[in-house]
N, C-alpha and C. Protein backbone atom coordinates (compact mmCIF):
# COMPACT_ATOMS: atom_id res chain seq x y z
N MET A 1 139.06 118.41 86.40
CA MET A 1 139.19 119.65 85.99
C MET A 1 140.60 120.16 85.02
N LEU A 2 140.28 120.51 83.93
CA LEU A 2 141.68 121.10 83.08
C LEU A 2 142.20 122.17 83.66
N SER A 3 143.66 121.74 83.50
CA SER A 3 144.38 122.91 83.79
C SER A 3 144.30 124.23 83.07
N ASN A 4 144.56 125.46 83.30
CA ASN A 4 144.56 126.57 81.95
C ASN A 4 145.84 126.57 81.58
N VAL A 5 146.85 125.83 81.60
CA VAL A 5 148.22 125.82 81.03
C VAL A 5 148.47 124.32 80.22
N TYR A 6 148.39 124.23 79.26
CA TYR A 6 148.64 123.24 77.99
C TYR A 6 149.98 123.55 77.43
N ILE A 7 150.98 122.36 77.64
CA ILE A 7 152.19 122.80 77.21
C ILE A 7 152.80 122.02 76.07
N ILE A 8 153.23 122.54 74.91
CA ILE A 8 153.56 121.71 73.88
C ILE A 8 155.07 121.82 73.72
N SER A 9 155.52 120.66 73.42
CA SER A 9 157.03 120.26 73.15
C SER A 9 157.45 120.65 71.82
N ASP A 10 158.50 121.29 71.96
CA ASP A 10 159.28 121.58 70.79
C ASP A 10 159.75 120.20 69.86
N ASP A 11 159.95 120.18 68.76
CA ASP A 11 160.63 118.79 68.25
C ASP A 11 162.03 118.36 68.80
N PRO A 12 162.17 117.17 69.04
CA PRO A 12 163.10 116.69 69.37
C PRO A 12 164.76 117.12 68.61
N ARG A 13 164.26 117.29 67.22
CA ARG A 13 165.64 117.73 66.42
C ARG A 13 165.78 119.15 66.53
N ASN A 14 165.08 119.84 67.46
CA ASN A 14 165.51 121.26 67.77
C ASN A 14 166.17 121.34 69.00
N HIS A 15 166.48 120.14 69.55
CA HIS A 15 167.22 120.09 70.88
C HIS A 15 168.81 119.74 70.69
N LYS A 16 169.60 119.88 71.34
CA LYS A 16 171.04 119.35 71.04
C LYS A 16 171.05 117.70 70.82
N ASP A 17 170.17 116.94 71.62
CA ASP A 17 170.31 115.63 71.60
C ASP A 17 168.86 115.13 72.36
N ASP A 18 168.75 113.86 72.26
CA ASP A 18 167.75 113.35 72.94
C ASP A 18 167.80 113.52 74.67
N GLU A 19 168.82 113.53 75.12
CA GLU A 19 169.00 113.75 76.28
C GLU A 19 168.50 115.22 77.05
N GLU A 20 168.98 116.05 76.21
CA GLU A 20 168.30 117.39 76.35
C GLU A 20 166.84 117.45 76.39
N PHE A 21 166.12 117.03 75.31
CA PHE A 21 164.68 116.89 75.49
C PHE A 21 164.17 116.11 76.57
N ILE A 22 164.67 114.92 76.76
CA ILE A 22 163.84 114.28 77.81
C ILE A 22 164.48 115.02 79.13
N SER A 23 165.55 115.55 79.25
CA SER A 23 165.65 116.06 80.47
C SER A 23 165.06 117.36 80.95
N ASN A 24 164.54 117.97 79.67
CA ASN A 24 163.41 119.17 79.67
C ASN A 24 162.19 118.94 80.20
N LEU A 25 161.96 117.40 79.50
CA LEU A 25 160.65 116.99 79.62
C LEU A 25 160.43 116.76 81.30
N LEU A 26 161.21 116.19 81.88
CA LEU A 26 161.30 115.77 83.22
C LEU A 26 160.99 116.97 84.26
N LEU A 27 161.79 117.84 83.62
CA LEU A 27 162.03 119.36 84.40
C LEU A 27 160.37 119.99 84.39
N VAL A 28 160.02 120.03 83.26
CA VAL A 28 158.45 120.51 83.11
C VAL A 28 157.51 119.90 83.79
N LEU A 29 157.77 118.31 83.81
CA LEU A 29 156.71 117.64 84.57
C LEU A 29 156.96 117.69 86.11
N HIS A 30 157.99 118.16 86.61
CA HIS A 30 158.08 118.30 88.08
C HIS A 30 157.73 119.88 88.21
N GLN A 31 158.01 120.82 87.46
CA GLN A 31 157.40 122.10 87.78
C GLN A 31 156.01 122.32 87.88
N THR A 32 155.27 121.55 86.80
CA THR A 32 153.68 121.70 86.61
C THR A 32 153.14 120.70 87.28
N GLU A 33 153.71 119.94 88.30
CA GLU A 33 152.84 118.64 89.03
C GLU A 33 151.62 119.16 89.78
N SER A 34 151.78 120.57 90.23
CA SER A 34 150.65 121.04 91.24
C SER A 34 149.51 121.54 89.88
N LEU A 35 149.88 121.71 88.98
CA LEU A 35 149.01 122.32 87.76
C LEU A 35 148.25 121.10 87.01
N GLY A 36 148.86 119.83 87.13
CA GLY A 36 148.33 118.53 86.59
C GLY A 36 148.21 119.16 85.22
N SER A 37 149.04 119.98 84.54
CA SER A 37 148.65 120.25 82.94
C SER A 37 149.24 118.82 81.77
N PHE A 38 148.47 118.81 80.94
CA PHE A 38 148.82 117.91 79.82
C PHE A 38 149.95 118.66 79.11
N ILE A 39 150.95 117.54 78.46
CA ILE A 39 152.08 117.94 77.72
C ILE A 39 151.99 117.12 76.30
N GLN A 40 151.77 118.06 75.32
CA GLN A 40 151.88 117.37 74.03
C GLN A 40 153.04 117.25 73.51
N LEU A 41 153.35 115.97 73.07
CA LEU A 41 154.80 115.70 72.50
C LEU A 41 154.76 115.56 71.11
N ARG A 42 155.18 116.57 70.54
CA ARG A 42 155.56 116.89 69.04
C ARG A 42 156.83 116.38 68.57
N LEU A 43 156.59 114.97 67.88
CA LEU A 43 157.75 114.33 67.43
C LEU A 43 157.80 114.13 66.05
N LYS A 44 157.28 115.15 65.44
CA LYS A 44 156.91 114.94 63.99
C LYS A 44 158.23 114.78 63.02
N SER A 45 159.69 114.84 63.45
CA SER A 45 160.75 114.41 62.51
C SER A 45 161.22 112.97 62.74
N LEU A 46 160.37 112.29 63.98
CA LEU A 46 160.87 110.88 63.97
C LEU A 46 160.06 110.07 63.11
N ASN A 47 160.48 109.10 62.66
CA ASN A 47 159.75 108.06 61.61
C ASN A 47 159.94 106.77 62.34
N GLY A 48 158.87 105.90 62.14
CA GLY A 48 159.14 104.47 62.18
C GLY A 48 159.86 103.95 63.49
N THR A 49 160.82 103.09 63.31
CA THR A 49 161.31 102.50 64.43
C THR A 49 162.26 103.70 65.29
N GLU A 50 162.53 104.59 64.38
CA GLU A 50 163.37 105.91 65.33
C GLU A 50 162.21 106.34 66.62
N TYR A 51 161.00 106.29 66.00
CA TYR A 51 160.08 106.99 66.57
C TYR A 51 159.47 106.21 67.91
N GLU A 52 159.35 104.95 67.95
CA GLU A 52 159.13 104.05 68.92
C GLU A 52 160.49 103.76 69.91
N THR A 53 161.49 103.85 69.38
CA THR A 53 162.63 103.76 69.82
C THR A 53 162.95 105.05 70.97
N PHE A 54 162.54 106.06 70.15
CA PHE A 54 162.57 107.34 71.05
C PHE A 54 161.63 107.52 72.50
N LEU A 55 160.36 106.78 71.95
CA LEU A 55 159.44 106.82 73.18
C LEU A 55 159.78 105.78 74.26
N THR A 56 160.37 104.87 74.00
CA THR A 56 160.61 103.57 74.77
C THR A 56 161.84 104.53 75.71
N LYS A 57 162.53 104.91 75.22
CA LYS A 57 163.81 105.60 76.14
C LYS A 57 163.12 106.62 76.97
N LEU A 58 162.14 107.51 76.36
CA LEU A 58 161.41 108.57 77.24
C LEU A 58 160.83 107.89 78.16
N ASN A 59 159.93 107.16 77.82
CA ASN A 59 159.08 106.60 79.04
C ASN A 59 159.67 105.70 80.04
N GLU A 60 160.86 105.09 79.95
CA GLU A 60 162.05 104.66 80.98
C GLU A 60 162.35 105.59 81.85
N ARG A 61 162.61 106.86 81.48
CA ARG A 61 163.23 107.96 82.15
C ARG A 61 162.25 108.38 83.06
N VAL A 62 161.29 108.65 82.48
CA VAL A 62 159.83 109.18 83.32
C VAL A 62 159.53 108.30 84.12
N VAL A 63 159.49 107.01 83.96
CA VAL A 63 159.17 106.02 84.95
C VAL A 63 160.37 105.97 86.14
N SER A 64 161.42 105.68 85.66
CA SER A 64 162.53 105.65 86.76
C SER A 64 162.78 106.88 87.54
N GLN A 65 162.64 108.12 87.20
CA GLN A 65 163.15 109.11 87.85
C GLN A 65 161.96 110.32 88.50
N THR A 66 160.82 109.45 88.45
CA THR A 66 159.56 110.25 89.09
C THR A 66 158.96 109.16 90.15
N LEU A 67 158.69 109.66 91.26
CA LEU A 67 158.02 108.79 92.52
C LEU A 67 156.48 108.85 91.83
N SER A 68 155.86 109.19 91.26
CA SER A 68 154.61 108.81 90.91
C SER A 68 154.47 108.98 89.26
N SER A 69 155.12 107.70 88.88
CA SER A 69 155.46 107.75 87.31
C SER A 69 154.13 107.72 86.64
N SER A 70 153.09 107.05 87.02
CA SER A 70 151.96 106.79 86.44
C SER A 70 151.03 108.21 86.16
N SER A 71 150.93 108.87 87.12
CA SER A 71 150.43 110.05 87.05
C SER A 71 151.19 110.99 86.08
N TYR A 72 152.43 110.84 86.00
CA TYR A 72 153.09 111.74 84.98
C TYR A 72 153.19 111.10 83.52
N THR A 73 153.02 109.82 83.34
CA THR A 73 152.89 109.51 81.80
C THR A 73 151.68 109.78 81.29
N THR A 74 150.44 109.87 82.32
CA THR A 74 149.24 109.81 81.78
C THR A 74 148.75 111.38 81.55
N ARG A 75 149.79 112.16 81.78
CA ARG A 75 149.95 113.80 81.29
C ARG A 75 150.35 113.84 80.06
N LEU A 76 150.89 112.88 79.30
CA LEU A 76 151.55 113.06 78.09
C LEU A 76 150.77 112.64 76.85
N LEU A 77 150.60 113.51 75.99
CA LEU A 77 149.49 113.41 74.80
C LEU A 77 150.58 113.34 73.59
N LEU A 78 150.30 111.99 72.77
CA LEU A 78 151.08 111.93 71.62
C LEU A 78 150.44 112.96 70.25
N ASN A 79 151.26 113.67 69.69
CA ASN A 79 150.90 114.27 68.60
C ASN A 79 150.70 113.21 67.33
N CYS A 80 149.57 113.42 66.72
CA CYS A 80 149.34 112.35 65.51
C CYS A 80 148.97 113.36 64.06
N ALA A 81 150.02 113.48 63.49
CA ALA A 81 149.71 114.42 62.23
C ALA A 81 149.66 113.64 61.04
N LYS A 82 149.57 112.31 60.85
CA LYS A 82 149.18 111.57 59.77
C LYS A 82 148.17 110.72 59.96
N PRO A 83 146.90 110.81 59.28
CA PRO A 83 145.82 110.02 59.55
C PRO A 83 146.12 108.69 59.45
N GLU A 84 146.78 108.21 58.48
CA GLU A 84 147.24 106.77 58.46
C GLU A 84 147.84 106.16 59.59
N GLU A 85 148.20 107.03 60.60
CA GLU A 85 149.24 106.37 61.76
C GLU A 85 148.32 106.43 62.83
N LEU A 86 146.85 106.68 62.83
CA LEU A 86 146.19 106.97 63.98
C LEU A 86 146.21 105.72 64.74
N GLU A 87 145.86 104.60 64.34
CA GLU A 87 145.89 103.19 64.70
C GLU A 87 147.05 103.07 65.56
N ILE A 88 148.08 103.19 65.13
CA ILE A 88 149.52 102.79 65.74
C ILE A 88 149.66 103.96 66.95
N ILE A 89 149.17 105.20 66.78
CA ILE A 89 149.48 105.98 67.73
C ILE A 89 148.64 105.64 69.00
N PHE A 90 147.37 105.11 68.91
CA PHE A 90 146.53 104.56 69.86
C PHE A 90 147.16 103.52 70.49
N GLY A 91 147.81 102.76 69.92
CA GLY A 91 148.64 101.45 70.26
C GLY A 91 149.71 102.05 71.37
N LEU A 92 150.28 102.76 70.70
CA LEU A 92 151.40 103.34 71.47
C LEU A 92 150.99 104.03 72.88
N VAL A 93 150.14 104.75 72.69
CA VAL A 93 149.27 105.60 74.02
C VAL A 93 148.84 104.30 74.94
N LYS A 94 148.42 103.46 74.47
CA LYS A 94 147.97 102.19 75.60
C LYS A 94 149.23 101.64 76.01
N ARG A 95 150.20 101.37 75.06
CA ARG A 95 151.38 100.50 75.58
C ARG A 95 152.14 101.31 76.68
N PHE A 96 152.37 102.48 76.57
CA PHE A 96 153.20 103.46 77.28
C PHE A 96 152.24 103.95 78.57
N ASN A 97 150.90 103.65 78.71
CA ASN A 97 150.09 104.35 79.53
C ASN A 97 150.09 105.98 79.57
N PHE A 98 150.41 106.39 78.32
CA PHE A 98 150.09 107.79 78.06
C PHE A 98 148.86 108.23 78.11
N GLY A 99 148.29 109.68 78.42
CA GLY A 99 147.18 110.23 78.49
C GLY A 99 146.24 109.99 77.38
N GLY A 100 146.82 110.21 76.37
CA GLY A 100 146.04 110.24 75.16
C GLY A 100 146.67 110.90 73.74
N VAL A 101 145.78 111.25 72.73
CA VAL A 101 146.41 111.83 71.55
C VAL A 101 146.09 113.26 71.33
N HIS A 102 146.81 113.82 70.41
CA HIS A 102 146.55 115.09 70.04
C HIS A 102 146.55 115.05 68.32
N LEU A 103 145.40 115.36 67.89
CA LEU A 103 145.18 115.23 66.45
C LEU A 103 145.49 116.65 65.70
N THR A 104 146.08 116.54 64.60
CA THR A 104 146.26 117.75 64.02
C THR A 104 144.91 117.92 63.12
N GLY A 105 144.78 118.92 62.56
CA GLY A 105 143.63 119.24 61.63
C GLY A 105 143.29 117.98 60.54
N ILE A 106 144.49 117.98 59.92
CA ILE A 106 144.37 116.84 58.91
C ILE A 106 143.70 115.18 59.50
N SER A 107 144.07 115.01 60.51
CA SER A 107 143.48 113.82 61.27
C SER A 107 142.38 113.89 61.98
N LEU A 108 142.07 115.00 62.08
CA LEU A 108 140.57 115.41 62.74
C LEU A 108 139.63 115.46 61.74
N GLU A 109 139.89 115.78 60.48
CA GLU A 109 138.93 115.75 59.37
C GLU A 109 138.78 114.09 58.78
N TYR A 110 140.06 113.68 58.94
CA TYR A 110 139.77 112.23 58.53
C TYR A 110 138.85 111.16 59.25
N LEU A 111 138.65 111.76 60.66
CA LEU A 111 137.90 110.91 61.50
C LEU A 111 136.49 111.19 61.24
N LYS A 112 136.11 112.43 60.34
CA LYS A 112 134.75 112.46 60.21
C LYS A 112 134.15 111.37 59.18
N SER A 113 135.30 110.82 58.26
CA SER A 113 134.66 110.00 57.32
C SER A 113 135.08 108.51 57.75
N ASN A 114 135.83 108.33 58.82
CA ASN A 114 136.23 107.03 59.10
C ASN A 114 135.52 106.48 60.59
N PRO A 115 134.12 106.34 60.61
CA PRO A 115 133.67 105.95 62.10
C PRO A 115 134.27 104.53 62.64
N LYS A 116 135.14 103.72 61.98
CA LYS A 116 135.71 102.78 62.62
C LYS A 116 136.69 103.15 63.48
N ILE A 117 137.52 104.07 63.00
CA ILE A 117 138.54 104.79 63.72
C ILE A 117 138.15 105.39 65.11
N ILE A 118 136.87 106.02 64.87
CA ILE A 118 136.31 106.44 66.21
C ILE A 118 136.07 105.62 67.19
N GLU A 119 135.62 104.44 66.57
CA GLU A 119 135.33 103.26 67.69
C GLU A 119 136.22 102.92 68.25
N SER A 120 137.48 102.68 67.63
CA SER A 120 138.74 102.33 68.36
C SER A 120 139.13 103.40 69.55
N MET A 121 139.03 104.75 69.34
CA MET A 121 139.06 105.44 70.20
C MET A 121 138.50 105.57 71.65
N ALA A 122 137.65 104.82 71.70
CA ALA A 122 136.61 104.64 73.03
C ALA A 122 137.40 104.75 74.43
N ASN A 123 138.48 103.70 74.21
CA ASN A 123 139.07 103.52 75.37
C ASN A 123 140.13 104.41 75.52
N THR A 124 140.59 105.59 74.75
CA THR A 124 141.57 106.35 74.96
C THR A 124 141.30 107.51 75.80
N LYS A 125 141.87 107.91 76.86
CA LYS A 125 141.36 108.65 77.94
C LYS A 125 141.07 110.02 77.52
N VAL A 126 142.10 110.75 76.76
CA VAL A 126 142.26 112.25 76.50
C VAL A 126 142.27 112.06 74.79
N ILE A 127 141.38 112.97 74.31
CA ILE A 127 141.86 113.23 72.82
C ILE A 127 141.42 114.76 72.49
N ALA A 128 142.60 115.24 72.00
CA ALA A 128 142.58 116.86 71.84
C ALA A 128 142.95 116.84 70.42
N ALA A 129 142.66 118.35 69.92
CA ALA A 129 142.91 118.49 68.33
C ALA A 129 143.50 120.06 67.95
N SER A 130 144.03 120.16 67.01
CA SER A 130 144.32 121.50 66.59
C SER A 130 143.26 122.18 65.61
N CYS A 131 142.65 123.30 66.09
CA CYS A 131 141.69 123.84 65.21
C CYS A 131 142.29 125.26 64.78
N HIS A 132 141.58 125.68 63.59
CA HIS A 132 141.94 126.80 63.07
C HIS A 132 140.68 127.77 62.90
N ASN A 133 139.74 127.29 62.90
CA ASN A 133 138.31 128.22 62.66
C ASN A 133 136.98 127.49 63.24
N ARG A 134 135.92 128.11 62.97
CA ARG A 134 134.79 127.63 63.66
C ARG A 134 134.08 126.00 63.31
N SER A 135 134.67 125.83 62.02
CA SER A 135 134.31 124.53 61.34
C SER A 135 135.11 123.42 62.14
N ASP A 136 136.11 123.68 62.40
CA ASP A 136 136.97 122.63 63.01
C ASP A 136 136.29 122.50 64.68
N LEU A 137 136.13 123.49 65.15
CA LEU A 137 135.36 123.71 66.57
C LEU A 137 134.33 122.75 66.50
N GLU A 138 133.51 122.97 65.68
CA GLU A 138 131.89 122.41 65.81
C GLU A 138 132.24 120.84 65.25
N LEU A 139 133.29 120.52 64.49
CA LEU A 139 133.66 119.08 64.24
C LEU A 139 134.09 118.28 65.55
N SER A 140 134.90 119.01 66.21
CA SER A 140 135.50 118.49 67.54
C SER A 140 134.55 118.47 68.44
N ALA A 141 133.44 119.28 68.51
CA ALA A 141 132.43 119.07 69.50
C ALA A 141 131.43 118.06 69.22
N GLN A 142 131.37 117.89 67.84
CA GLN A 142 130.38 116.76 67.37
C GLN A 142 130.98 115.30 67.68
N LEU A 143 132.36 115.31 67.54
CA LEU A 143 132.96 114.31 67.83
C LEU A 143 133.53 113.86 69.51
N GLY A 144 132.99 114.89 70.08
CA GLY A 144 133.31 114.66 71.43
C GLY A 144 134.46 114.79 72.51
N LEU A 145 135.19 115.67 71.63
CA LEU A 145 136.69 115.64 72.15
C LEU A 145 136.95 116.04 73.41
N SER A 146 138.06 115.82 73.91
CA SER A 146 138.10 116.08 75.45
C SER A 146 138.71 117.66 75.38
N PHE A 147 139.37 118.25 74.62
CA PHE A 147 139.65 119.91 74.41
C PHE A 147 140.30 119.86 73.19
N VAL A 148 140.41 121.04 72.83
CA VAL A 148 141.04 121.57 71.31
C VAL A 148 142.02 122.81 71.70
N VAL A 149 143.06 123.19 70.81
CA VAL A 149 143.46 124.32 70.82
C VAL A 149 143.05 125.09 69.22
N LEU A 150 142.88 126.53 69.49
CA LEU A 150 142.53 127.36 68.41
C LEU A 150 143.76 128.24 68.30
N SER A 151 144.13 128.30 67.02
CA SER A 151 145.23 129.28 66.75
C SER A 151 145.02 129.98 65.08
N PRO A 152 145.96 130.92 64.90
CA PRO A 152 146.81 131.40 65.73
C PRO A 152 146.12 132.72 66.47
N ILE A 153 146.46 132.78 67.45
CA ILE A 153 145.90 134.15 68.13
C ILE A 153 146.54 135.27 67.90
N LYS A 154 147.83 135.44 68.32
CA LYS A 154 148.83 136.43 68.12
C LYS A 154 149.74 135.92 67.15
N VAL A 155 150.78 136.85 66.56
CA VAL A 155 151.90 136.59 66.05
C VAL A 155 152.85 135.57 66.94
N SER A 156 153.26 134.45 66.25
CA SER A 156 153.99 133.57 67.01
C SER A 156 155.27 133.50 66.16
N VAL A 157 156.53 133.16 67.24
CA VAL A 157 157.77 132.78 66.45
C VAL A 157 157.93 131.28 65.93
N THR A 158 157.24 130.42 66.88
CA THR A 158 157.51 128.87 66.51
C THR A 158 156.54 128.43 65.55
N CYS A 159 155.12 129.15 65.49
CA CYS A 159 154.27 128.78 64.26
C CYS A 159 153.78 130.01 63.66
N PRO A 160 154.62 130.57 62.68
CA PRO A 160 154.38 131.79 62.02
C PRO A 160 153.06 131.70 61.17
N SER A 161 152.15 132.56 61.03
CA SER A 161 151.16 132.77 60.10
C SER A 161 150.91 134.20 59.41
N GLU A 162 150.29 134.16 58.70
CA GLU A 162 150.05 135.50 58.05
C GLU A 162 148.87 136.32 58.72
N ILE A 163 147.90 135.61 59.24
CA ILE A 163 146.90 135.85 59.59
C ILE A 163 146.46 135.40 61.33
N GLN A 164 146.11 136.52 62.01
CA GLN A 164 145.94 135.98 63.34
C GLN A 164 144.32 136.26 63.67
N LEU A 165 143.85 135.33 64.66
CA LEU A 165 142.42 135.68 65.07
C LEU A 165 142.35 136.59 66.09
N GLY A 166 143.23 136.86 67.05
CA GLY A 166 143.12 137.82 68.08
C GLY A 166 142.12 137.56 69.05
N TYR A 167 141.87 138.40 70.10
CA TYR A 167 141.16 137.82 71.12
C TYR A 167 139.63 137.92 70.69
N ASP A 168 139.19 138.82 69.80
CA ASP A 168 137.94 139.00 69.33
C ASP A 168 137.35 137.76 68.40
N GLY A 169 138.35 137.02 67.57
CA GLY A 169 138.20 136.20 66.67
C GLY A 169 138.11 135.18 67.46
N PHE A 170 139.12 134.81 68.44
CA PHE A 170 138.78 133.55 69.51
C PHE A 170 137.51 133.88 69.97
N LYS A 171 136.89 134.80 70.71
CA LYS A 171 135.47 134.89 71.19
C LYS A 171 134.50 134.71 70.36
N LYS A 172 134.52 135.06 69.06
CA LYS A 172 133.50 134.61 68.03
C LYS A 172 133.42 133.18 67.77
N CYS A 173 134.65 132.28 67.54
CA CYS A 173 134.74 130.98 67.36
C CYS A 173 134.16 130.22 68.19
N VAL A 174 134.79 130.41 69.55
CA VAL A 174 134.26 129.42 70.62
C VAL A 174 132.70 129.67 71.21
N GLN A 175 132.20 130.67 70.86
CA GLN A 175 130.93 131.18 71.45
C GLN A 175 129.94 129.89 71.53
N GLY A 176 129.24 129.60 72.42
CA GLY A 176 128.16 128.87 72.15
C GLY A 176 128.37 127.29 72.13
N LEU A 177 129.58 126.82 71.98
CA LEU A 177 129.94 125.29 71.63
C LEU A 177 129.86 124.47 72.65
N GLY A 178 130.28 125.06 73.99
CA GLY A 178 130.44 124.17 75.16
C GLY A 178 131.60 123.30 74.93
N LEU A 179 132.78 123.81 74.25
CA LEU A 179 134.03 122.82 74.10
C LEU A 179 135.01 123.46 74.76
N HIS A 180 136.15 122.89 75.49
CA HIS A 180 137.16 123.16 76.14
C HIS A 180 137.91 123.90 74.96
N VAL A 181 138.43 124.98 75.16
CA VAL A 181 139.17 125.55 74.16
C VAL A 181 140.49 126.22 74.56
N TYR A 182 141.66 125.79 74.25
CA TYR A 182 142.86 126.87 74.44
C TYR A 182 143.35 127.57 73.50
N GLY A 183 143.87 128.94 73.67
CA GLY A 183 144.23 129.59 72.73
C GLY A 183 145.80 129.59 72.78
N LEU A 184 146.08 129.46 71.34
CA LEU A 184 147.45 128.94 71.02
C LEU A 184 147.95 130.33 69.88
N GLY A 185 149.38 130.46 70.06
CA GLY A 185 150.01 131.42 69.02
C GLY A 185 150.53 132.85 69.55
N GLY A 186 151.77 132.64 70.06
CA GLY A 186 152.02 134.09 70.64
C GLY A 186 151.65 134.41 71.92
N LEU A 187 151.02 133.41 72.82
CA LEU A 187 150.58 133.45 73.94
C LEU A 187 151.48 132.87 75.17
N SER A 188 151.22 133.59 76.07
CA SER A 188 152.09 133.40 77.50
C SER A 188 150.97 133.41 78.90
N LYS A 189 151.58 133.09 79.88
CA LYS A 189 150.47 132.97 81.11
C LYS A 189 149.92 134.23 81.27
N GLU A 190 150.36 135.54 80.84
CA GLU A 190 149.82 136.72 80.88
C GLU A 190 148.60 136.74 80.16
N ASP A 191 148.22 135.88 79.17
CA ASP A 191 146.97 135.92 78.36
C ASP A 191 146.16 135.11 79.09
N ILE A 192 146.49 134.25 79.91
CA ILE A 192 145.25 133.22 80.59
C ILE A 192 144.10 134.06 81.17
N PRO A 193 144.20 134.93 82.07
CA PRO A 193 142.96 135.66 82.23
C PRO A 193 142.12 135.88 81.11
N HIS A 194 142.74 136.92 80.21
CA HIS A 194 141.98 137.18 78.94
C HIS A 194 141.37 136.09 78.27
N ILE A 195 141.82 135.04 78.04
CA ILE A 195 141.42 134.10 77.26
C ILE A 195 140.25 133.23 78.10
N VAL A 196 140.45 133.19 79.24
CA VAL A 196 139.44 132.58 80.10
C VAL A 196 138.05 133.51 80.14
N ALA A 197 138.31 134.91 80.22
CA ALA A 197 137.22 135.60 80.17
C ALA A 197 136.37 135.82 78.90
N ILE A 198 136.94 135.22 77.77
CA ILE A 198 136.41 135.48 76.92
C ILE A 198 135.89 134.00 76.11
N GLY A 199 135.76 132.93 77.23
CA GLY A 199 135.21 131.50 76.77
C GLY A 199 136.31 130.57 76.67
N GLY A 200 137.66 130.70 76.81
CA GLY A 200 138.55 129.62 76.68
C GLY A 200 138.59 128.97 78.08
N VAL A 201 139.35 128.17 78.28
CA VAL A 201 140.17 127.24 79.44
C VAL A 201 141.30 127.63 79.89
N GLY A 202 142.18 128.24 78.94
CA GLY A 202 143.39 128.79 79.08
C GLY A 202 144.32 128.91 77.78
N VAL A 203 145.72 128.62 78.33
CA VAL A 203 146.59 129.01 77.05
C VAL A 203 147.32 127.69 76.87
N ALA A 204 147.63 127.83 75.50
CA ALA A 204 148.82 126.57 75.17
C ALA A 204 149.78 127.38 74.35
N ALA A 205 151.23 126.54 74.80
CA ALA A 205 152.29 127.47 74.23
C ALA A 205 153.58 126.47 74.36
N ILE A 206 154.54 126.67 73.04
CA ILE A 206 155.60 126.01 73.18
C ILE A 206 156.63 127.01 73.72
N ARG A 207 157.01 128.05 73.25
CA ARG A 207 157.94 128.99 73.71
C ARG A 207 157.97 129.33 75.14
N SER A 208 156.62 129.59 75.58
CA SER A 208 156.85 130.26 76.85
C SER A 208 156.84 129.11 77.96
N PHE A 209 156.18 127.95 77.83
CA PHE A 209 155.93 126.88 78.62
C PHE A 209 157.09 126.11 78.43
N TRP A 210 157.47 125.42 77.18
CA TRP A 210 158.32 124.34 76.94
C TRP A 210 159.66 125.24 77.11
N HIS A 211 160.18 126.09 76.64
CA HIS A 211 161.33 126.58 76.61
C HIS A 211 161.84 127.59 77.86
N GLU A 212 160.74 128.33 77.91
CA GLU A 212 161.10 129.70 79.03
C GLU A 212 160.67 128.91 80.25
N HIS A 213 159.74 128.10 80.55
CA HIS A 213 159.13 127.49 81.67
C HIS A 213 158.53 128.54 82.73
N GLN A 214 157.78 129.40 81.82
CA GLN A 214 156.98 130.41 82.48
C GLN A 214 155.65 130.00 82.53
N PHE A 215 155.39 129.39 83.60
CA PHE A 215 153.85 128.69 84.04
C PHE A 215 153.16 129.68 84.84
């Protein structure tokens, strides 16, 4: 059963250093242990060997400083922003025993015309995606994804947008799909009951969850 809290990390470069990012991750993992929430690692500013080196360091800290390291690492999802890196990301998820991947809208659309990639996803435990409209949601349902986020619901500081769906827009988009959908964009734990009441599973957030630890 999915938690009604989905945590999205900020980019490591928005932190003082790698240590601050990893320490915050460990704190969030501890604080949400009873919730079992997934945490999406957004590492978009890191490339190539820098990306893999950072993940190695992060994984070592998670494993060494938690009593139940396996359950902690399996709550981590790697964000995949570039379709051409999908197979690499799947390989890293397997290597570090992470929970799965979170696809951006571009990567999601790429899967539609690349069935071989879909086949390679078979052993990936969790596959989530970012959606912005009904079409994205329908494609996610067709691909059998674990869950998705739909945004933006409200005005967001971390991910600004000129148009917001609002509760009504969220309700219309998710209706009748049978898909697990989190609301994202300017939301906090206070919005969880409202999102659940209109067909969602809960709330995803960067500021409220990753930075403010308001679970």
